[in-house]
């Protein structure tokens, strides 16, 4: 059964972060043995009784926020539970911009390979009478054939072979 996605919030507001953490029973902490001098090391919000027990040491909120700002961090959290993650502010801005672009687009995103497979290419051919005609050719591979050209051969070289060259290769294979 699929879970509904919950909306997360990103903030750098000290009062909002402290209020959210304390509402959920958390406090400022640092990972033990990661800091040097007055640098506390890796910052976390600790919720007693969960996975940080024994590996985190409590620190005062003012020290937490001093290093939070010095390292240009932001907090991503969900209001209804304890989910939280400290991320870089530049990364948080990029994620917000990406999600805004995603909501603007009405079409689902496709991988580059899938987009290329759906495109049509045209090729001009000439018949024996010298008249030219345009043929649509799909870039999708025929059954049993690879969509990629063989190593060492350019795409144009593979596509532009004459009928005589194909016949001579066929005769050579049969022999």
Protein backbone atom coordinates (compact mmCIF):
# COMPACT_ATOMS: atom_id res chain seq x y z
CA UNK A 1 0.00 0.00 0.00
CA UNK A 2 1.45 3.37 -0.99
CA UNK A 3 1.74 6.07 1.65
CA UNK A 4 0.61 9.57 0.89
CA UNK A 5 3.53 11.98 0.72
CA UNK A 6 3.62 14.55 3.48
CA UNK A 7 4.56 18.13 2.78
CA UNK A 8 7.92 19.16 4.18
CA UNK A 9 8.99 22.67 5.12
CA UNK A 10 12.45 24.22 4.81
CA UNK A 11 13.49 26.99 7.18
CA UNK A 12 16.46 28.88 8.56
CA UNK A 13 14.41 30.71 11.24
CA UNK A 14 15.95 29.94 14.65
CA UNK A 15 12.73 30.43 16.62
CA UNK A 16 10.75 28.19 14.25
CA UNK A 17 13.39 25.43 14.41
CA UNK A 18 13.61 25.53 18.21
CA UNK A 19 9.82 25.65 18.61
CA UNK A 20 9.34 22.66 16.23
CA UNK A 21 12.10 20.58 17.92
CA UNK A 22 10.87 21.24 21.46
CA UNK A 23 7.25 20.56 20.47
CA UNK A 24 8.38 17.09 19.33
CA UNK A 25 10.59 16.48 22.39
CA UNK A 26 13.92 17.26 20.69
CA UNK A 27 16.92 19.34 21.65
CA UNK A 28 20.12 20.61 19.99
CA UNK A 29 22.93 18.06 19.80
CA UNK A 30 26.21 17.27 18.08
CA UNK A 31 27.66 13.92 17.06
CA UNK A 32 30.21 12.91 19.69
CA UNK A 33 33.89 12.91 18.66
CA UNK A 34 33.34 14.92 15.44
CA UNK A 35 34.31 18.43 16.60
CA UNK A 36 37.64 20.07 17.31
CA UNK A 37 38.20 23.02 19.64
CA UNK A 38 35.00 25.04 19.97
CA UNK A 39 33.56 23.54 16.73
CA UNK A 40 30.89 21.07 17.91
CA UNK A 41 31.20 18.97 14.75
CA UNK A 42 28.18 17.46 13.04
CA UNK A 43 24.94 19.08 14.22
CA UNK A 44 21.76 17.12 14.87
CA UNK A 45 18.42 17.49 16.62
CA UNK A 46 18.22 14.69 19.17
CA UNK A 47 14.97 13.00 20.19
CA UNK A 48 15.65 10.98 23.37
CA UNK A 49 14.83 7.29 23.06
CA UNK A 50 15.69 7.08 19.36
CA UNK A 51 18.77 6.20 17.27
CA UNK A 52 21.02 9.04 18.50
CA UNK A 53 21.26 7.63 22.01
CA UNK A 54 24.91 7.22 23.01
CA UNK A 55 26.33 8.85 19.86
CA UNK A 56 25.03 12.40 20.40
CA UNK A 57 25.95 14.96 23.04
CA UNK A 58 23.61 17.83 23.97
CA UNK A 59 24.71 21.38 23.17
CA UNK A 60 23.05 24.72 23.99
CA UNK A 61 20.71 26.18 21.35
CA UNK A 62 22.83 29.35 21.00
CA UNK A 63 25.90 27.25 20.12
CA UNK A 64 23.80 25.11 17.75
CA UNK A 65 22.56 28.21 15.88
CA UNK A 66 26.02 29.81 15.83
CA UNK A 67 27.37 26.85 13.85
CA UNK A 68 24.08 26.37 11.97
CA UNK A 69 24.55 29.87 10.47
CA UNK A 70 28.35 29.55 10.08
CA UNK A 71 27.86 26.38 8.00
CA UNK A 72 24.96 27.96 6.04
CA UNK A 73 22.50 25.21 6.90
CA UNK A 74 18.72 24.96 6.61
CA UNK A 75 16.32 22.55 8.31
CA UNK A 76 13.88 20.45 6.29
CA UNK A 77 11.11 19.08 8.53
CA UNK A 78 7.56 17.79 8.56
CA UNK A 79 5.19 19.35 11.06
CA UNK A 80 3.26 16.19 11.94
CA UNK A 81 6.22 13.93 12.88
CA UNK A 82 9.91 13.96 13.84
CA UNK A 83 11.31 13.78 10.31
CA UNK A 84 14.09 16.36 9.89
CA UNK A 85 17.26 16.85 7.92
CA UNK A 86 19.94 19.54 8.01
CA UNK A 87 20.86 20.57 4.46
CA UNK A 88 22.92 23.30 2.84
CA UNK A 89 20.99 26.48 2.13
CA UNK A 90 22.08 26.50 -1.51
CA UNK A 91 20.86 22.90 -1.90
CA UNK A 92 17.57 23.81 -0.26
CA UNK A 93 17.05 26.70 -2.72
CA UNK A 94 17.84 24.40 -5.65
CA UNK A 95 15.34 21.76 -4.42
CA UNK A 96 12.62 24.41 -4.01
CA UNK A 97 13.27 25.73 -7.52
CA UNK A 98 13.22 22.20 -8.94
CA UNK A 99 9.94 21.34 -7.23
CA UNK A 100 8.44 24.63 -8.50
CA UNK A 101 9.46 23.72 -12.06
CA UNK A 102 7.98 20.26 -11.60
CA UNK A 103 4.58 21.65 -10.62
CA UNK A 104 4.51 23.98 -13.63
CA UNK A 105 5.00 21.19 -16.16
CA UNK A 106 1.88 19.23 -17.03
CA UNK A 107 3.72 16.40 -18.79
CA UNK A 108 5.56 13.74 -16.80
CA UNK A 109 9.34 13.83 -17.15
CA UNK A 110 10.94 11.26 -19.43
CA UNK A 111 14.44 9.92 -19.46
CA UNK A 112 16.68 11.14 -22.32
CA UNK A 113 16.67 7.66 -23.84
CA UNK A 114 12.86 7.51 -23.88
CA UNK A 115 12.62 11.01 -25.39
CA UNK A 116 15.09 10.03 -28.12
CA UNK A 117 13.19 6.80 -28.84
CA UNK A 118 10.01 8.74 -29.52
CA UNK A 119 11.57 11.19 -31.99
CA UNK A 120 11.33 10.70 -35.71
CA UNK A 121 14.19 11.38 -38.10
CA UNK A 122 13.76 12.08 -41.81
CA UNK A 123 16.02 10.93 -44.58
CA UNK A 124 16.06 12.03 -48.19
CA UNK A 125 16.48 9.18 -50.66
CA UNK A 126 16.63 9.19 -54.39
CA UNK A 127 15.09 6.52 -56.56
CA UNK A 128 16.52 5.24 -59.83
CA UNK A 129 14.77 8.03 -61.77
CA UNK A 130 16.62 10.73 -59.83
CA UNK A 131 13.47 11.92 -58.04
CA UNK A 132 13.85 12.49 -54.32
CA UNK A 133 11.42 11.56 -51.61
CA UNK A 134 11.42 11.93 -47.87
CA UNK A 135 10.98 8.92 -45.62
CA UNK A 136 10.24 9.06 -41.92
CA UNK A 137 12.47 6.73 -39.97
CA UNK A 138 12.03 5.92 -36.31
CA UNK A 139 15.11 5.96 -34.09
CA UNK A 140 13.78 2.91 -32.25
CA UNK A 141 15.70 -0.28 -32.90
CA UNK A 142 14.18 -3.00 -35.04
CA UNK A 143 13.45 -6.27 -33.22
CA UNK A 144 16.68 -8.19 -32.82
CA UNK A 145 18.88 -5.17 -33.58
CA UNK A 146 20.69 -2.86 -31.24
CA UNK A 147 19.72 0.82 -31.18
CA UNK A 148 23.38 1.76 -30.76
CA UNK A 149 25.84 1.68 -33.67
CA UNK A 150 28.57 -0.91 -33.42
CA UNK A 151 31.82 0.28 -31.85
CA UNK A 152 34.15 2.03 -34.26
CA UNK A 153 31.42 2.97 -36.75
CA UNK A 154 29.78 6.32 -37.04
CA UNK A 155 26.04 6.54 -37.38
CA UNK A 156 26.26 8.10 -40.86
CA UNK A 157 28.62 5.38 -42.08
CA UNK A 158 26.22 2.72 -40.82
CA UNK A 159 23.18 4.38 -42.46
CA UNK A 160 24.75 5.41 -45.76
CA UNK A 161 25.94 2.06 -47.10
CA UNK A 162 25.21 1.26 -50.69
CA UNK A 163 23.30 -1.81 -51.81
CA UNK A 164 26.45 -3.28 -53.42
CA UNK A 165 28.38 -3.09 -50.16
CA UNK A 166 25.55 -4.85 -48.34
CA UNK A 167 25.40 -7.58 -51.00
CA UNK A 168 29.15 -8.20 -50.85
CA UNK A 169 29.04 -8.51 -47.06
CA UNK A 170 26.15 -10.97 -47.33
CA UNK A 171 28.10 -13.10 -49.87
CA UNK A 172 31.20 -13.03 -47.66
CA UNK A 173 29.19 -14.26 -44.64
CA UNK A 174 27.67 -17.14 -46.62
CA UNK A 175 31.02 -18.35 -47.89
